[in-house]
Protein backbone atom coordinates (compact mmCIF):
# COMPACT_ATOMS: atom_id res chain seq x y z
CA MET A 1 89.08 -98.21 43.22
CA LEU A 2 87.55 -94.71 42.58
CA LYS A 3 84.95 -94.59 45.08
CA SER A 4 81.99 -92.61 43.60
CA ILE A 5 80.12 -91.80 47.33
CA THR A 6 76.58 -89.78 47.11
CA LEU A 7 75.94 -88.04 51.03
CA LEU A 8 72.45 -88.36 50.54
CA ALA A 9 73.38 -92.40 51.36
CA LEU A 10 76.00 -91.58 53.84
CA ALA A 11 75.66 -92.09 57.87
CA MET A 12 78.93 -92.92 58.90
CA THR A 13 80.68 -92.39 62.16
CA LEU A 14 83.73 -89.88 63.06
CA SER A 15 86.92 -91.55 62.62
CA ALA A 16 89.72 -91.25 65.36
CA GLN A 17 92.62 -90.92 62.44
CA ALA A 18 92.10 -88.85 59.52
CA ALA A 19 93.05 -90.46 56.15
CA PRO A 20 96.23 -89.41 54.05
CA LEU A 21 95.74 -86.63 51.31
CA PRO A 22 93.88 -88.66 48.49
CA ALA A 23 95.51 -89.20 45.17
CA GLN A 24 92.62 -87.58 43.76
CA ALA A 25 89.50 -86.01 44.18
CA THR A 26 86.36 -84.42 42.69
CA ILE A 27 83.81 -82.55 44.82
CA VAL A 28 80.44 -81.23 43.67
CA TYR A 29 79.30 -78.21 45.99
CA GLN A 30 76.01 -76.48 46.32
CA ALA A 31 76.99 -72.90 46.17
CA ARG A 32 75.07 -70.24 48.63
CA LEU A 33 75.17 -66.17 49.52
CA GLY A 34 73.56 -65.05 52.40
CA GLY A 35 71.59 -68.82 53.01
CA LEU A 36 70.04 -68.66 49.47
CA PRO A 37 71.31 -71.11 46.62
CA VAL A 38 73.27 -69.48 43.71
CA GLY A 39 74.88 -72.11 41.66
CA GLU A 40 76.96 -74.87 42.12
CA ALA A 41 80.87 -75.21 42.38
CA VAL A 42 83.65 -77.98 41.31
CA GLN A 43 86.77 -79.10 43.00
CA ARG A 44 89.32 -81.58 41.67
CA TRP A 45 92.45 -82.07 43.36
CA SER A 46 95.25 -84.15 41.70
CA ILE A 47 98.55 -85.45 43.66
CA ARG A 48 101.29 -86.62 40.79
CA ALA A 49 104.88 -87.09 41.54
CA GLY A 50 104.87 -85.61 44.62
CA GLN A 51 102.89 -82.37 42.84
CA TYR A 52 99.70 -81.28 43.73
CA GLN A 53 97.07 -79.93 41.47
CA LEU A 54 93.65 -78.08 42.57
CA SER A 55 90.90 -76.23 40.75
CA THR A 56 88.36 -74.68 42.06
CA GLU A 57 85.37 -73.74 39.68
CA LEU A 58 82.11 -71.44 41.08
CA LYS A 59 79.09 -71.81 38.24
CA PRO A 60 76.93 -69.19 39.46
CA ILE A 61 73.48 -69.20 37.91
CA LEU A 62 74.14 -65.51 37.04
CA GLY A 63 77.42 -64.09 36.28
CA PRO A 64 80.56 -65.15 34.92
CA ARG A 65 82.46 -68.52 36.46
CA ILE A 66 84.83 -67.94 38.69
CA ARG A 67 88.07 -70.20 38.56
CA TYR A 68 90.96 -70.54 41.34
CA GLN A 69 93.95 -72.79 40.26
CA SER A 70 96.53 -73.49 42.70
CA SER A 71 99.81 -76.04 42.40
CA GLY A 72 102.14 -76.84 44.30
CA SER A 73 104.68 -79.54 45.89
CA LEU A 74 104.09 -81.46 49.17
CA THR A 75 106.72 -81.74 51.66
CA GLU A 76 107.15 -82.96 55.67
CA GLN A 77 105.45 -80.11 56.48
CA GLY A 78 102.80 -80.70 54.14
CA LEU A 79 101.78 -78.46 50.98
CA ARG A 80 104.14 -75.51 49.81
CA PRO A 81 102.24 -73.31 47.05
CA GLN A 82 104.27 -72.13 44.19
CA GLU A 83 101.38 -70.56 42.36
CA TYR A 84 97.74 -69.58 42.60
CA ALA A 85 95.44 -67.79 40.47
CA GLU A 86 91.66 -66.13 39.73
CA TYR A 87 90.35 -66.68 36.23
CA ARG A 88 87.23 -64.64 35.57
CA GLY A 89 84.51 -65.93 32.70
CA SER A 90 86.44 -67.32 29.38
CA ASN A 91 89.38 -65.07 29.73
CA SER A 92 92.50 -66.62 29.67
CA GLN A 93 94.56 -64.19 31.54
CA PRO A 94 94.30 -64.30 35.53
CA LYS A 95 92.17 -61.47 37.33
CA THR A 96 95.23 -62.03 39.91
CA ARG A 97 98.02 -64.11 39.98
CA ALA A 98 100.57 -65.10 43.00
CA ARG A 99 103.92 -66.56 42.69
CA PHE A 100 105.64 -67.86 45.53
CA ASP A 101 109.62 -67.93 45.79
CA TRP A 102 110.51 -70.07 48.64
CA ASN A 103 114.51 -69.45 48.00
CA LYS A 104 113.92 -65.56 48.90
CA LEU A 105 110.94 -66.32 51.22
CA GLU A 106 108.83 -63.78 48.79
CA VAL A 107 105.50 -64.03 47.03
CA SER A 108 104.17 -61.61 43.80
CA TYR A 109 100.80 -61.03 43.60
CA GLY A 110 98.09 -58.88 42.68
CA ARG A 111 96.83 -58.09 39.33
CA SER A 112 99.74 -58.73 36.87
CA GLU A 113 99.77 -54.68 36.10
CA ALA A 114 100.25 -54.06 39.59
CA GLN A 115 102.07 -56.71 40.86
CA GLN A 116 103.34 -56.69 44.73
CA THR A 117 106.19 -58.37 46.86
CA GLY A 118 106.01 -59.65 50.45
CA LYS A 119 107.55 -61.90 52.96
CA LEU A 120 106.46 -65.29 53.12
CA ALA A 121 106.26 -66.87 56.47
CA PRO A 122 107.02 -70.84 56.87
CA GLY A 123 103.90 -72.62 56.33
CA ALA A 124 102.01 -70.06 53.96
CA GLN A 125 99.35 -71.15 52.07
CA ASP A 126 97.04 -69.89 49.54
CA LEU A 127 93.47 -69.30 50.53
CA ASN A 128 92.03 -72.05 47.37
CA ALA A 129 94.05 -75.28 48.82
CA LEU A 130 94.34 -74.18 52.72
CA PRO A 131 91.21 -76.55 53.13
CA PHE A 132 93.86 -79.04 51.94
CA GLN A 133 96.49 -78.53 54.30
CA LEU A 134 94.09 -78.62 56.86
CA SER A 135 92.90 -82.04 56.21
CA TRP A 136 96.79 -82.79 55.74
CA LEU A 137 97.65 -81.90 59.54
CA ALA A 138 94.57 -83.93 60.53
CA GLY A 139 94.66 -84.19 64.05
CA LYS A 140 97.50 -81.56 65.04
CA PRO A 141 97.31 -78.54 66.52
CA VAL A 142 96.93 -75.63 63.97
CA PRO A 143 98.92 -72.71 64.39
CA SER A 144 98.45 -69.28 63.21
CA MET A 145 98.91 -69.41 59.31
CA GLN A 146 99.91 -66.64 56.86
CA ILE A 147 96.95 -67.09 54.09
CA MET A 148 97.48 -65.46 51.05
CA THR A 149 94.14 -64.69 48.94
CA GLY A 150 95.69 -63.21 45.61
CA ARG A 151 94.88 -59.65 46.66
CA LYS A 152 96.64 -59.67 49.90
CA LEU A 153 98.42 -61.67 52.81
CA ARG A 154 96.93 -62.18 55.81
CA GLN A 155 97.11 -63.95 59.09
CA ASP A 156 94.92 -66.53 60.22
CA LYS A 157 94.85 -68.30 63.79
CA PHE A 158 92.88 -71.27 63.69
CA ALA A 159 90.41 -73.05 66.50
CA GLU A 160 89.22 -76.21 66.43
CA GLY A 161 85.36 -76.09 66.67
CA PRO A 162 83.53 -79.30 68.47
CA GLN A 163 82.87 -82.01 66.53
CA SER A 164 79.86 -81.17 64.32
CA LYS A 165 77.76 -83.93 62.05
CA LEU A 166 76.44 -81.78 58.86
CA THR A 167 72.73 -82.53 57.57
CA LEU A 168 73.75 -83.11 53.86
CA MET A 169 70.17 -84.39 51.92
CA GLY A 170 68.64 -85.65 55.39
CA LYS A 171 71.43 -87.35 56.57
CA SER A 172 74.15 -86.86 59.16
CA GLN A 173 77.75 -86.73 58.28
CA PRO A 174 79.94 -86.62 61.31
CA ALA A 175 82.80 -83.27 60.76
CA ARG A 176 85.72 -81.97 62.34
CA VAL A 177 85.52 -77.72 62.01
CA TRP A 178 88.34 -75.51 61.89
CA ILE A 179 87.75 -71.53 62.23
CA ALA A 180 89.40 -68.66 61.79
CA PRO A 181 87.11 -66.11 63.31
CA GLU A 182 89.23 -63.42 63.36
CA GLY A 183 89.34 -59.73 61.92
CA GLU A 184 86.76 -59.01 59.12
CA GLU A 185 87.14 -61.76 56.85
CA SER A 186 86.46 -65.47 58.56
CA THR A 187 86.80 -68.88 57.28
CA GLU A 188 85.34 -72.14 58.33
CA ILE A 189 86.58 -74.96 57.23
CA TRP A 190 84.60 -78.42 57.81
CA LEU A 191 86.36 -81.86 57.20
CA ALA A 192 85.11 -85.57 57.15
CA PRO A 193 87.61 -87.83 58.22
CA ALA A 194 85.13 -90.83 56.79
CA LEU A 195 86.25 -89.59 53.62
CA GLY A 196 89.68 -88.99 52.73
CA ASN A 197 89.56 -86.27 55.22
CA LEU A 198 88.16 -83.84 52.71
CA PRO A 199 86.34 -80.75 53.21
CA VAL A 200 82.82 -81.17 52.74
CA LYS A 201 81.56 -77.81 54.10
CA ILE A 202 83.76 -74.07 53.28
CA ILE A 203 82.01 -71.24 54.93
CA ARG A 204 83.99 -67.73 53.74
CA HIS A 205 82.88 -64.13 55.33
CA ASP A 206 84.06 -60.79 54.35
CA ASP A 207 82.53 -57.19 53.25
CA LYS A 208 79.92 -59.20 50.79
CA GLY A 209 78.31 -61.37 52.65
CA GLU A 210 78.54 -65.04 53.19
CA LEU A 211 79.47 -67.66 50.78
CA GLN A 212 78.69 -71.33 51.77
CA LEU A 213 79.70 -74.25 49.57
CA VAL A 214 78.14 -77.47 50.81
CA ALA A 215 79.40 -81.17 49.44
CA LYS A 216 76.56 -82.96 47.75
CA ASN A 217 78.52 -85.52 45.85
CA ILE A 218 82.42 -86.58 46.38
CA GLU A 219 84.67 -88.94 44.02
CA TYR A 220 87.87 -89.57 45.28
CA GLN A 221 91.02 -92.37 45.06
CA LEU A 222 93.40 -92.74 48.29
CA ASP A 223 96.23 -94.34 45.47
CA PRO A 224 97.42 -93.40 42.70
């Protein structure tokens, strides 16, 4: 049965064992840039026949919509990305795209007119689907991980922060926090084990500032 959970009503304790990846999920976030509300984001996740699809659409108050699309397969090591693309506005052609060739351990990426090729490391992920790989890992140690942003490959070394509680609409939601603080770009992923271990807060720092996505509504289904 589809669970529709409004975070206003939640006050849950942190479970010791994380839930498996949901068969499908929809998460609506408030988007903040530099601490100010700038719109919302909608994330849609699904698994079917061992394949996953993830769409994250940013809907700013001003400016064009931005959509990130990820697809791949589920393996014993978690997510194995096959394609990752970024779309702007109503343009059906991606601004950037990455294609993963695991047989050759190569990834082609960048703008369509200026594709580059990089060497893939085992366990590499795309930036959009990264929170779901951390969710799949649950309480396991997270090693250094190669990340494809669509424009470049980078190496992120994750550390687990202290167990935290995220205040959402006046209520406290326990969360497990993963942080990759090194370099000019950093990422924080807040996972809620009591909510299918889904990402309830995503923070990304780069040269353009700090973008926060804070969940305000979640729907998910554990079984197909």
